[in-house]
Amino acid sequence: MYLYSLYPKHLFSLRKISVSLLIVFLPLTGYSGNPYRFPNGAAGAGMGSLCTIRQGFWSSFNNPALLSYNQSFMAGVNYENRFFMSELSTRTIGVILPAGNASAGIHYSNFGYSNFRRESAGIASGLMLSENISAGIRLDYLSEKTSGEYDNHRHITFEAGITFTVPPGVIIGVKLFNPLPNSLRESGMPSSLSAGAGLELGDALFAGAEAEMVTGGEINLRTGFEYEVVKSFWLRGGFSTENSSFSFGLGYLLRSVRIDLSFATHEKLGVTTGVSLIIKIR
């Protein structure tokens, strides 16, 4: 009787220990050394986390230069569940506000659970510098909170991006995150550089590849595609050398509402699922 009554508590403790270990090692296994990476949204996640060059709602927050291509007032929510554990889920909300040749974006995202939580909030702006060149910048507030006697961390930084379009249908993008010298860089806050190129193959197919380098980490290569099978229905796939991850995704547009689903594998820990809902308001 005594042993039976203790079993659920032991099981709960083991789950807490497992979640804690995953959170500790997640920057090494799932984020290529950058635990503050903005979620890709289900569309980007289904394309191997391709997010520097592909125009879209969530990619506009990953590379603020892409914001200028969004000329509609839109709002979106995204939910990402890592390895079917609610404690490792990420919840994100964002809004894009167009203004002529420029657009602004506001977002909030949180990851984790009551004993460990990472939060990020930011405001971004993208501007068309010419017919083929756009640039953008995003100001970020990042925080990490833990229970007990551990320190809480807060950071303010920025990131900047630029894109070039080259006829016929080629787009090149570059993004810098936390591009600060060592003397000004916050402890534990990595820097990263992402660069990629993509190609519109006709009206229905897009394919691209990009590379990301994070402070103290190896170069991660990502490649993906998006194919409009029938009008307003998309099929996506991709691969990332980060944990040898294969991904798959679907997207459907119903009038002014778009729903995206994604599934990404991890060579050791399982599957990460994602769902996004985007509404075009006007």
Protein backbone atom coordinates (compact mmCIF):
# COMPACT_ATOMS: atom_id res chain seq x y z
CA MET A 1 0.00 0.00 0.00
CA TYR A 2 2.80 2.36 0.93
CA LEU A 3 4.78 1.58 -2.21
CA TYR A 4 1.69 1.98 -4.38
CA SER A 5 0.97 5.42 -2.98
CA LEU A 6 4.53 6.57 -3.73
CA TYR A 7 4.62 5.34 -7.31
CA PRO A 8 2.77 8.28 -8.93
CA LYS A 9 5.05 10.73 -7.08
CA HIS A 10 8.15 8.90 -8.28
CA LEU A 11 6.76 8.85 -11.80
CA PHE A 12 6.10 12.60 -11.64
CA SER A 13 9.63 13.23 -10.32
CA LEU A 14 11.16 11.18 -13.12
CA ARG A 15 9.18 13.19 -15.66
CA LYS A 16 10.41 16.45 -14.12
CA ILE A 17 14.00 15.19 -14.23
CA SER A 18 13.58 14.13 -17.89
CA VAL A 19 12.10 17.49 -18.86
CA SER A 20 14.87 19.35 -17.01
CA LEU A 21 17.58 17.35 -18.76
CA LEU A 22 15.98 17.96 -22.16
CA ILE A 23 15.81 21.70 -21.48
CA VAL A 24 19.46 21.76 -20.44
CA PHE A 25 20.61 19.93 -23.57
CA LEU A 26 18.03 21.35 -25.98
CA PRO A 27 20.34 24.20 -27.13
CA LEU A 28 22.83 21.54 -28.16
CA THR A 29 20.34 19.16 -29.77
CA GLY A 30 17.57 21.27 -31.20
CA TYR A 31 18.67 24.85 -31.62
CA SER A 32 22.17 24.64 -33.02
CA GLY A 33 23.55 26.48 -29.98
CA ASN A 34 21.01 29.34 -30.17
CA PRO A 35 18.19 28.76 -27.65
CA TYR A 36 16.65 32.15 -28.50
CA ARG A 37 15.89 31.38 -32.13
CA PHE A 38 12.46 32.65 -33.14
CA PRO A 39 9.97 29.85 -34.04
CA ASN A 40 9.76 29.19 -37.77
CA GLY A 41 6.00 28.83 -37.93
CA ALA A 42 4.51 25.65 -39.32
CA ALA A 43 5.12 26.73 -42.94
CA GLY A 44 8.86 27.21 -42.42
CA ALA A 45 9.18 24.19 -40.14
CA GLY A 46 7.66 21.98 -42.85
CA MET A 47 10.36 23.18 -45.26
CA GLY A 48 13.33 22.14 -43.13
CA SER A 49 13.17 25.39 -41.11
CA LEU A 50 13.87 27.45 -44.22
CA CYS A 51 13.09 30.98 -43.04
CA THR A 52 15.63 33.51 -44.35
CA ILE A 53 14.47 33.71 -47.96
CA ARG A 54 10.87 32.48 -48.25
CA GLN A 55 8.22 35.20 -48.17
CA GLY A 56 5.52 34.56 -45.62
CA PHE A 57 3.98 35.65 -42.31
CA TRP A 58 6.31 33.92 -39.83
CA SER A 59 9.44 34.12 -42.00
CA SER A 60 8.99 37.91 -41.91
CA PHE A 61 9.78 37.80 -38.19
CA ASN A 62 12.80 35.54 -38.76
CA ASN A 63 14.20 37.87 -41.42
CA PRO A 64 12.69 41.36 -40.97
CA ALA A 65 13.67 42.31 -44.53
CA LEU A 66 10.81 40.07 -45.70
CA LEU A 67 8.27 42.23 -43.84
CA SER A 68 8.10 44.70 -46.71
CA TYR A 69 6.56 42.01 -48.96
CA ASN A 70 3.50 41.80 -46.70
CA GLN A 71 1.06 44.47 -47.83
CA SER A 72 -1.95 43.32 -45.78
CA PHE A 73 -2.94 43.66 -42.14
CA MET A 74 -2.50 40.14 -40.74
CA ALA A 75 -2.48 38.36 -37.39
CA GLY A 76 -1.30 34.86 -36.56
CA VAL A 77 -0.78 32.31 -33.79
CA ASN A 78 1.61 29.36 -33.79
CA TYR A 79 1.96 26.36 -31.50
CA GLU A 80 4.99 24.08 -31.61
CA ASN A 81 5.14 20.89 -29.53
CA ARG A 82 8.56 19.28 -29.21
CA PHE A 83 8.59 15.50 -28.80
CA PHE A 84 4.94 15.42 -27.59
CA MET A 85 5.85 17.02 -24.26
CA SER A 86 3.76 20.04 -23.27
CA GLU A 87 6.64 21.34 -21.11
CA LEU A 88 8.72 21.78 -24.27
CA SER A 89 6.06 23.62 -26.28
CA THR A 90 6.33 27.12 -27.76
CA ARG A 91 3.38 29.49 -28.14
CA THR A 92 3.67 32.55 -30.41
CA ILE A 93 1.44 35.40 -31.51
CA GLY A 94 2.24 38.06 -34.09
CA VAL A 95 0.74 41.00 -36.00
CA ILE A 96 1.88 42.65 -39.25
CA LEU A 97 0.90 46.25 -40.05
CA PRO A 98 1.51 47.52 -43.63
CA ALA A 99 2.40 51.14 -44.38
CA GLY A 100 3.14 51.81 -48.06
CA ASN A 101 6.59 50.50 -49.00
CA ALA A 102 7.22 49.48 -45.40
CA SER A 103 5.60 47.12 -42.91
CA ALA A 104 5.90 46.74 -39.15
CA GLY A 105 5.63 43.58 -37.10
CA ILE A 106 5.02 42.88 -33.40
CA HIS A 107 5.38 39.47 -31.76
CA TYR A 108 5.40 37.66 -28.43
CA SER A 109 6.60 34.09 -27.83
CA ASN A 110 7.08 31.86 -24.80
CA PHE A 111 8.65 28.43 -24.36
CA GLY A 112 8.60 26.02 -21.44
CA TYR A 113 6.50 25.61 -18.29
CA SER A 114 6.16 27.02 -14.76
CA ASN A 115 9.65 25.95 -13.57
CA PHE A 116 11.52 27.03 -16.69
CA ARG A 117 10.37 29.60 -19.20
CA ARG A 118 11.92 31.55 -22.05
CA GLU A 119 10.06 34.57 -23.38
CA SER A 120 10.72 36.88 -26.28
CA ALA A 121 9.01 40.02 -27.51
CA GLY A 122 9.99 42.19 -30.41
CA ILE A 123 9.09 44.91 -32.82
CA ALA A 124 10.36 44.90 -36.39
CA SER A 125 10.22 46.97 -39.54
CA GLY A 126 10.96 46.14 -43.16
CA LEU A 127 11.38 48.58 -46.06
CA MET A 128 11.65 48.26 -49.84
CA LEU A 129 14.83 50.17 -50.72
CA SER A 130 14.30 49.60 -54.44
CA GLU A 131 12.34 47.33 -56.72
CA ASN A 132 14.70 44.43 -56.01
CA ILE A 133 16.19 45.18 -52.59
CA SER A 134 14.56 45.16 -49.16
CA ALA A 135 16.02 45.56 -45.68
CA GLY A 136 14.73 45.28 -42.14
CA ILE A 137 15.62 45.39 -38.47
CA ARG A 138 14.09 43.90 -35.33
CA LEU A 139 14.55 44.92 -31.68
CA ASP A 140 14.27 41.98 -29.26
CA TYR A 141 13.64 41.63 -25.54
CA LEU A 142 14.54 38.14 -24.27
CA SER A 143 14.18 36.64 -20.82
CA GLU A 144 14.84 33.30 -19.14
CA LYS A 145 13.15 32.47 -15.84
CA THR A 146 13.74 29.49 -13.56
CA SER A 147 12.31 28.47 -10.22
CA GLY A 148 14.36 28.16 -7.03
CA GLU A 149 17.65 29.91 -6.46
CA TYR A 150 18.80 30.05 -10.08
CA ASP A 151 19.43 33.41 -11.72
CA ASN A 152 16.96 34.91 -14.15
CA HIS A 153 18.42 36.42 -17.33
CA ARG A 154 17.19 39.33 -19.44
CA HIS A 155 18.67 40.54 -22.71
CA ILE A 156 18.00 43.32 -25.18
CA THR A 157 19.48 42.89 -28.64
CA PHE A 158 18.64 43.33 -32.31
CA GLU A 159 18.86 41.57 -35.64
CA ALA A 160 18.97 42.83 -39.19
CA GLY A 161 18.37 41.34 -42.62
CA ILE A 162 18.47 42.13 -46.32
CA THR A 163 17.08 40.42 -49.42
CA PHE A 164 17.79 40.73 -53.13
CA THR A 165 15.54 39.52 -55.94
CA VAL A 166 17.10 38.64 -59.27
CA PRO A 167 14.93 37.89 -62.31
CA PRO A 168 13.64 35.40 -63.10
CA GLY A 169 12.38 34.44 -59.64
CA VAL A 170 15.63 34.20 -57.65
CA ILE A 171 15.75 35.57 -54.10
CA ILE A 172 18.87 35.90 -51.92
CA GLY A 173 18.67 36.66 -48.21
CA VAL A 174 21.07 37.37 -45.33
CA LYS A 175 20.27 37.82 -41.63
CA LEU A 176 22.41 38.73 -38.60
CA PHE A 177 21.28 38.03 -35.04
CA ASN A 178 22.89 39.81 -32.07
CA PRO A 179 25.73 41.29 -34.17
CA LEU A 180 27.59 42.81 -31.23
CA PRO A 181 31.32 42.76 -30.36
CA ASN A 182 32.43 40.49 -27.52
CA SER A 183 32.90 43.46 -25.19
CA LEU A 184 29.20 44.35 -25.47
CA ARG A 185 27.71 40.88 -25.83
CA GLU A 186 25.62 39.61 -22.93
CA SER A 187 26.90 36.46 -21.22
CA GLY A 188 25.39 33.37 -22.81
CA MET A 189 23.83 35.28 -25.71
CA PRO A 190 25.09 33.81 -29.01
CA SER A 191 25.37 35.56 -32.36
CA SER A 192 24.40 34.00 -35.66
CA LEU A 193 24.62 34.56 -39.39
CA SER A 194 22.16 33.05 -41.87
CA ALA A 195 22.35 33.24 -45.67
CA GLY A 196 20.44 31.49 -48.42
CA ALA A 197 19.00 31.52 -51.92
CA GLY A 198 15.73 30.32 -53.39
CA LEU A 199 14.11 29.98 -56.79
CA GLU A 200 10.51 30.18 -57.99
CA LEU A 201 10.16 27.34 -60.49
CA GLY A 202 7.03 28.34 -62.36
CA ASP A 203 3.90 29.46 -60.53
CA ALA A 204 3.56 26.45 -58.24
CA LEU A 205 7.00 25.35 -57.02
CA PHE A 206 9.58 27.04 -54.79
CA ALA A 207 12.89 25.47 -53.70
CA GLY A 208 15.72 26.89 -51.66
CA ALA A 209 18.70 26.30 -49.40
CA GLU A 210 20.41 28.24 -46.65
CA ALA A 211 23.20 27.97 -44.11
CA GLU A 212 23.39 29.18 -40.52
CA MET A 213 26.45 29.65 -38.35
CA VAL A 214 26.08 30.23 -34.59
CA THR A 215 28.79 31.35 -32.17
CA GLY A 216 30.66 28.28 -30.95
CA GLY A 217 28.68 25.89 -33.15
CA GLU A 218 28.93 24.10 -36.45
CA ILE A 219 27.42 25.31 -39.71
CA ASN A 220 23.87 24.04 -40.16
CA LEU A 221 22.57 23.52 -43.71
CA ARG A 222 18.88 23.56 -44.53
CA THR A 223 17.01 22.86 -47.74
CA GLY A 224 13.32 22.70 -48.55
CA PHE A 225 10.56 23.07 -51.10
CA GLU A 226 6.93 24.16 -51.33
CA TYR A 227 4.57 22.92 -54.06
CA GLU A 228 1.02 24.13 -54.70
CA VAL A 229 -0.65 20.84 -55.58
CA VAL A 230 -3.99 22.46 -56.34
CA LYS A 231 -5.19 26.00 -55.86
CA SER A 232 -4.75 27.08 -52.22
CA PHE A 233 -3.31 23.74 -51.06
CA TRP A 234 0.46 23.37 -50.47
CA LEU A 235 2.73 20.41 -49.87
CA ARG A 236 6.12 21.00 -48.20
CA GLY A 237 9.24 19.04 -47.40
CA GLY A 238 12.78 19.66 -46.24
CA PHE A 239 15.96 18.50 -44.53
CA SER A 240 18.29 20.06 -41.96
CA THR A 241 21.75 18.79 -41.05
CA GLU A 242 20.95 19.89 -37.50
CA ASN A 243 20.20 16.49 -35.90
CA SER A 244 19.67 15.02 -39.42
CA SER A 245 16.09 16.29 -39.33
CA PHE A 246 13.57 15.51 -42.08
CA SER A 247 10.39 17.57 -42.21
CA PHE A 248 7.01 17.51 -43.88
CA GLY A 249 4.18 20.02 -43.99
CA LEU A 250 0.80 20.99 -45.39
CA GLY A 251 -0.92 24.33 -45.91
CA TYR A 252 -4.45 25.33 -46.87
CA LEU A 253 -5.95 28.77 -47.58
CA LEU A 254 -9.68 29.23 -47.07
CA ARG A 255 -10.60 32.75 -48.12
CA SER A 256 -8.75 34.95 -45.61
CA VAL A 257 -7.71 32.17 -43.20
CA ARG A 258 -4.63 30.01 -43.67
CA ILE A 259 -3.83 26.86 -41.70
CA ASP A 260 -0.38 25.21 -41.76
CA LEU A 261 0.77 21.92 -40.22
CA SER A 262 4.32 20.63 -39.84
CA PHE A 263 6.15 17.53 -38.66
CA ALA A 264 9.92 17.41 -38.09
CA THR A 265 12.00 14.46 -36.93
CA HIS A 266 14.92 14.33 -34.49
CA GLU A 267 17.42 11.51 -34.86
CA LYS A 268 17.17 10.61 -31.15
CA LEU A 269 14.30 12.40 -29.43
CA GLY A 270 11.31 11.94 -31.74
CA VAL A 271 8.97 14.24 -33.64
CA THR A 272 8.17 17.93 -33.29
CA THR A 273 4.73 19.02 -34.50
CA GLY A 274 3.53 22.51 -35.31
CA VAL A 275 0.31 24.26 -36.27
CA SER A 276 -0.19 27.87 -37.41
CA LEU A 277 -3.31 29.92 -37.98
CA ILE A 278 -2.99 33.16 -39.96
CA ILE A 279 -5.83 35.60 -40.61
CA LYS A 280 -5.74 38.31 -43.26
CA ILE A 281 -7.83 41.12 -41.79
CA ARG A 282 -7.70 43.53 -44.72
